[in-house]
Amino acid sequence: MARAADELAPLGVERTDFEGRQVSPDWLDVPEKVVLALLRHGIIPGEDRHLLFRVPNPFIEQDEEKVSKILASVARTNFLFLLACERLGVALQQNAIYELTIPQVNSLAELRAVVKIGTLYLQAIDGLFAGLPERVDVFLRDRVPKAKWAEMKARVARVRLVPLCENVGALAHLPDLLEAFYQALERGRVAEGLPTPASFTTRYDGTGTLIRIFVAMSDTAEQSGKIATDVPYTLATARREEVERRLAVASV
């Protein structure tokens, strides 16, 4: 598993990558170790430092139990973060890990992988308190009063889903991809337990709505060449206003 600190970023970045990795108990503890270590140094993760967390694409790494365990570790970390900051008297705006990046999302069909991660994450949150006996987290149940379960679950659920596009075709059709992504999440409004566009709003007070997409420039350039990558990237950037207009219409 790779972790890196980007000291040049405005707030700094801690990167944790579970893509293509074997899962062991030690690795599953990494998210909470990172978050608690930052707190011990007076750094508020999610505010002073951005945690970039990449999860496996469930349609490529077809091991749902593994993916669910990873997402449960993220949910548990966010619960521990809330409890720790409550004890420290720190007022929070959002979770320590407030974004999940899903790799290899290069087509409309592959957006299903993003929705799947959102669904599994919501299930992981519930499972920590009232799921299968082997998944229930006794430590959390003993420290979070039942009267506060709903409130804390709602906070921990505020995690943005971020597709990672890694080929020229995806770059060339980003407006279509993002519009379809929004519409896919819209369908979650009519069914319980599915992610909705509310996930774009990571702040607890409901502000700061943002749709984000990651673009893998180096991998794409390695596949198709630098010029073939730069051209669609430039065109995609130039079409930002079109994307915002189309999403504004979709959200009405």
Protein backbone atom coordinates (compact mmCIF):
# COMPACT_ATOMS: atom_id res chain seq x y z
CA MET A 1 0.00 0.00 0.00
CA ALA A 2 1.33 3.39 -0.96
CA ARG A 3 1.22 6.51 1.15
CA ALA A 4 2.71 9.82 0.19
CA ALA A 5 2.69 13.35 1.50
CA ASP A 6 2.47 16.16 -1.04
CA GLU A 7 3.92 19.16 0.75
CA LEU A 8 3.33 21.39 -2.28
CA ALA A 9 -0.44 21.04 -2.12
CA PRO A 10 -2.26 23.96 -0.43
CA LEU A 11 -3.28 21.90 2.58
CA GLY A 12 -0.95 18.94 2.06
CA VAL A 13 -2.09 15.51 0.94
CA GLU A 14 -1.84 12.09 2.55
CA ARG A 15 -2.46 9.36 -0.02
CA THR A 16 -3.62 5.87 0.92
CA ASP A 17 -4.10 3.37 -1.88
CA PHE A 18 -5.78 -0.02 -1.45
CA GLU A 19 -6.09 -0.70 -5.19
CA GLY A 20 -4.64 -4.10 -6.12
CA ARG A 21 -3.46 -4.86 -2.59
CA GLN A 22 -3.96 -7.86 -0.38
CA VAL A 23 -5.87 -6.96 2.76
CA SER A 24 -4.51 -7.86 6.19
CA PRO A 25 -5.57 -6.65 9.65
CA ASP A 26 -2.48 -4.43 9.82
CA TRP A 27 -3.35 -2.72 6.55
CA LEU A 28 -6.98 -2.23 7.54
CA ASP A 29 -5.76 -0.29 10.58
CA VAL A 30 -3.80 2.18 8.43
CA PRO A 31 -6.61 4.77 7.90
CA GLU A 32 -7.27 5.22 11.61
CA LYS A 33 -3.55 5.23 12.41
CA VAL A 34 -3.00 8.03 9.89
CA VAL A 35 -5.95 10.08 11.19
CA LEU A 36 -5.08 9.68 14.87
CA ALA A 37 -1.39 10.37 14.23
CA LEU A 38 -2.29 13.64 12.50
CA LEU A 39 -4.52 14.62 15.43
CA ARG A 40 -1.70 13.93 17.88
CA HIS A 41 0.42 16.42 15.91
CA GLY A 42 -2.29 19.08 16.03
CA ILE A 43 -3.30 18.57 12.39
CA ILE A 44 -7.02 18.23 11.64
CA PRO A 45 -7.42 15.71 8.80
CA GLY A 46 -10.07 16.79 6.33
CA GLU A 47 -9.30 20.44 7.05
CA ASP A 48 -5.56 20.99 7.56
CA ARG A 49 -4.63 17.94 5.49
CA HIS A 50 -6.53 16.26 2.66
CA LEU A 51 -6.63 12.46 2.82
CA LEU A 52 -6.70 10.97 -0.67
CA PHE A 53 -8.12 7.48 -0.29
CA ARG A 54 -8.29 5.12 -3.27
CA VAL A 55 -10.39 1.96 -3.03
CA PRO A 56 -10.45 -1.00 -5.43
CA ASN A 57 -12.81 -0.93 -8.40
CA PRO A 58 -15.27 -3.70 -7.42
CA PHE A 59 -15.81 -4.71 -11.05
CA ILE A 60 -12.07 -5.25 -11.57
CA GLU A 61 -11.18 -6.69 -8.17
CA GLN A 62 -14.24 -8.86 -7.78
CA ASP A 63 -13.94 -9.59 -4.07
CA GLU A 64 -16.89 -7.87 -2.40
CA GLU A 65 -15.90 -9.03 1.09
CA LYS A 66 -12.46 -7.45 0.69
CA VAL A 67 -13.91 -4.17 -0.60
CA SER A 68 -16.51 -4.14 2.19
CA LYS A 69 -13.79 -4.56 4.82
CA ILE A 70 -11.83 -1.67 3.37
CA LEU A 71 -14.90 0.56 3.37
CA ALA A 72 -15.74 -0.50 6.93
CA SER A 73 -12.25 0.62 7.96
CA VAL A 74 -12.93 4.03 6.39
CA ALA A 75 -16.28 4.32 8.16
CA ARG A 76 -14.75 3.25 11.48
CA THR A 77 -11.98 5.80 11.07
CA ASN A 78 -14.49 8.59 10.54
CA PHE A 79 -16.45 7.52 13.63
CA LEU A 80 -13.25 7.47 15.72
CA PHE A 81 -12.38 10.89 14.32
CA LEU A 82 -15.74 12.30 15.44
CA LEU A 83 -15.38 10.80 18.91
CA ALA A 84 -11.80 12.04 19.31
CA CYS A 85 -12.62 15.58 18.19
CA GLU A 86 -15.67 15.67 20.45
CA ARG A 87 -13.44 14.82 23.40
CA LEU A 88 -10.86 17.41 22.31
CA GLY A 89 -13.53 20.09 21.86
CA VAL A 90 -12.70 20.53 18.16
CA ALA A 91 -15.54 21.84 15.98
CA LEU A 92 -15.62 19.93 12.70
CA GLN A 93 -16.88 20.79 9.24
CA GLN A 94 -16.50 17.39 7.57
CA ASN A 95 -15.09 13.89 7.95
CA ALA A 96 -11.40 13.08 8.12
CA ILE A 97 -11.81 10.93 5.00
CA TYR A 98 -14.46 12.74 2.98
CA GLU A 99 -13.66 11.42 -0.49
CA LEU A 100 -13.35 7.93 -1.96
CA THR A 101 -11.62 7.60 -5.31
CA ILE A 102 -12.62 4.71 -7.58
CA PRO A 103 -10.08 3.87 -10.33
CA GLN A 104 -10.62 2.78 -13.93
CA VAL A 105 -13.92 4.58 -14.55
CA ASN A 106 -13.66 5.23 -18.27
CA SER A 107 -17.18 4.72 -19.63
CA LEU A 108 -20.85 5.17 -18.79
CA ALA A 109 -21.14 1.47 -17.94
CA GLU A 110 -18.24 1.69 -15.49
CA LEU A 111 -20.07 4.33 -13.47
CA ARG A 112 -21.86 1.38 -11.90
CA ALA A 113 -18.63 0.68 -10.02
CA VAL A 114 -18.82 4.12 -8.39
CA VAL A 115 -22.45 3.59 -7.35
CA LYS A 116 -21.50 0.15 -6.02
CA ILE A 117 -18.78 1.63 -3.80
CA GLY A 118 -21.25 4.20 -2.48
CA THR A 119 -23.76 1.47 -1.69
CA LEU A 120 -21.20 -0.74 0.04
CA TYR A 121 -19.96 2.21 2.09
CA LEU A 122 -23.47 2.94 3.39
CA GLN A 123 -23.87 -0.75 4.25
CA ALA A 124 -20.52 -0.71 6.04
CA ILE A 125 -21.67 2.20 8.23
CA ASP A 126 -24.80 0.37 9.32
CA GLY A 127 -22.90 -2.89 9.75
CA LEU A 128 -20.62 -1.44 12.42
CA PHE A 129 -23.59 -1.08 14.76
CA ALA A 130 -26.23 -3.61 13.73
CA GLY A 131 -24.76 -5.92 11.13
CA LEU A 132 -23.37 -9.44 11.18
CA PRO A 133 -21.84 -10.32 14.57
CA GLU A 134 -18.34 -10.53 13.08
CA ARG A 135 -18.73 -7.05 11.53
CA VAL A 136 -20.24 -5.20 14.51
CA ASP A 137 -17.69 -2.95 16.19
CA VAL A 138 -18.10 -3.43 19.93
CA PHE A 139 -15.72 -0.57 20.71
CA LEU A 140 -17.91 1.92 18.84
CA ARG A 141 -21.18 0.51 20.16
CA ASP A 142 -19.92 0.93 23.72
CA ARG A 143 -18.92 4.56 23.15
CA VAL A 144 -21.65 5.94 20.92
CA PRO A 145 -25.01 6.27 22.71
CA LYS A 146 -27.81 4.67 20.72
CA ALA A 147 -29.65 8.01 20.72
CA LYS A 148 -26.75 9.46 18.67
CA TRP A 149 -26.44 6.63 16.14
CA ALA A 150 -28.59 8.26 13.47
CA GLU A 151 -26.85 11.64 13.76
CA MET A 152 -23.34 10.21 13.64
CA LYS A 153 -24.17 7.81 10.82
CA ALA A 154 -25.52 10.71 8.77
CA ARG A 155 -22.26 12.59 9.30
CA VAL A 156 -20.04 9.64 8.47
CA ALA A 157 -22.11 9.01 5.32
CA ARG A 158 -21.08 12.40 3.90
CA VAL A 159 -18.32 11.05 1.69
CA ARG A 160 -17.88 12.23 -1.89
CA LEU A 161 -17.48 9.58 -4.61
CA VAL A 162 -14.76 10.52 -7.11
CA PRO A 163 -14.31 8.63 -10.40
CA LEU A 164 -10.74 8.29 -11.66
CA CYS A 165 -10.59 8.46 -15.47
CA GLU A 166 -7.59 6.76 -16.99
CA ASN A 167 -7.88 6.80 -20.79
CA VAL A 168 -8.22 9.18 -23.71
CA GLY A 169 -11.79 8.14 -24.50
CA ALA A 170 -12.97 9.13 -21.03
CA LEU A 171 -11.17 12.47 -21.27
CA ALA A 172 -12.79 13.21 -24.61
CA HIS A 173 -16.29 12.64 -23.20
CA LEU A 174 -16.03 14.04 -19.67
CA PRO A 175 -19.19 16.22 -19.93
CA ASP A 176 -21.25 13.17 -20.91
CA LEU A 177 -19.62 11.06 -18.21
CA LEU A 178 -20.24 13.57 -15.43
CA GLU A 179 -23.84 14.17 -16.45
CA ALA A 180 -24.47 10.41 -16.49
CA PHE A 181 -22.75 10.12 -13.10
CA TYR A 182 -25.12 12.69 -11.60
CA GLN A 183 -28.14 10.98 -13.13
CA ALA A 184 -27.00 7.60 -11.80
CA LEU A 185 -26.92 9.02 -8.29
CA GLU A 186 -30.29 10.72 -8.80
CA ARG A 187 -31.84 7.26 -9.12
CA GLY A 188 -30.75 6.60 -5.56
CA ARG A 189 -33.34 9.08 -4.27
CA VAL A 190 -36.17 6.60 -4.86
CA ALA A 191 -34.50 3.58 -3.23
CA GLU A 192 -33.24 3.22 0.31
CA GLY A 193 -29.59 2.36 0.85
CA LEU A 194 -28.23 3.81 -2.39
CA PRO A 195 -25.93 6.83 -2.73
CA THR A 196 -27.53 10.06 -3.93
CA PRO A 197 -26.23 13.44 -5.18
CA ALA A 198 -26.17 14.47 -1.50
CA SER A 199 -22.78 12.77 -1.36
CA PHE A 200 -21.34 15.70 -3.32
CA THR A 201 -21.95 17.88 -0.25
CA THR A 202 -19.35 16.74 2.25
CA ARG A 203 -19.78 19.46 4.87
CA TYR A 204 -22.05 18.70 7.79
CA ASP A 205 -23.97 21.95 7.36
CA GLY A 206 -24.91 21.05 3.77
CA THR A 207 -22.66 23.61 2.06
CA GLY A 208 -19.75 23.13 -0.28
CA THR A 209 -21.42 21.07 -2.98
CA LEU A 210 -18.84 19.95 -5.51
CA ILE A 211 -18.53 17.23 -8.14
CA ARG A 212 -14.95 16.10 -8.52
CA ILE A 213 -13.28 13.83 -11.03
CA PHE A 214 -9.67 12.71 -11.07
CA VAL A 215 -7.73 12.45 -14.31
CA ALA A 216 -4.75 10.10 -14.56
CA MET A 217 -2.49 12.01 -16.92
CA SER A 218 0.65 9.88 -16.59
CA ASP A 219 -1.08 6.52 -17.03
CA THR A 220 -3.11 7.84 -19.93
CA ALA A 221 -0.02 9.29 -21.59
CA GLU A 222 1.78 5.97 -21.17
CA GLN A 223 -1.09 4.20 -22.94
CA SER A 224 -1.77 6.68 -25.73
CA GLY A 225 1.12 9.12 -25.86
CA LYS A 226 1.49 12.59 -24.40
CA ILE A 227 0.04 14.56 -27.32
CA ALA A 228 -2.95 12.23 -27.63
CA THR A 229 -3.55 12.79 -23.90
CA ASP A 230 -2.97 16.54 -23.80
CA VAL A 231 -5.47 17.30 -26.58
CA PRO A 232 -8.60 15.74 -25.00
CA TYR A 233 -7.53 17.02 -21.56
CA THR A 234 -7.33 20.56 -22.94
CA LEU A 235 -10.71 20.17 -24.63
CA ALA A 236 -12.25 18.77 -21.44
CA THR A 237 -10.94 21.70 -19.42
CA ALA A 238 -12.34 24.13 -21.98
CA ARG A 239 -15.78 22.49 -21.65
CA ARG A 240 -16.06 23.12 -17.92
CA GLU A 241 -18.82 25.71 -18.38
CA GLU A 242 -20.78 23.25 -20.49
CA VAL A 243 -20.47 20.63 -17.75
CA GLU A 244 -21.65 23.07 -15.08
CA ARG A 245 -24.61 24.12 -17.24
CA ARG A 246 -25.68 20.55 -17.92
CA LEU A 247 -25.37 19.55 -14.28
CA ALA A 248 -27.32 22.61 -13.18
CA VAL A 249 -30.18 21.54 -15.43
CA ALA A 250 -29.98 17.94 -14.21
CA SER A 251 -30.17 19.03 -10.57
CA VAL A 252 -33.35 21.10 -10.97
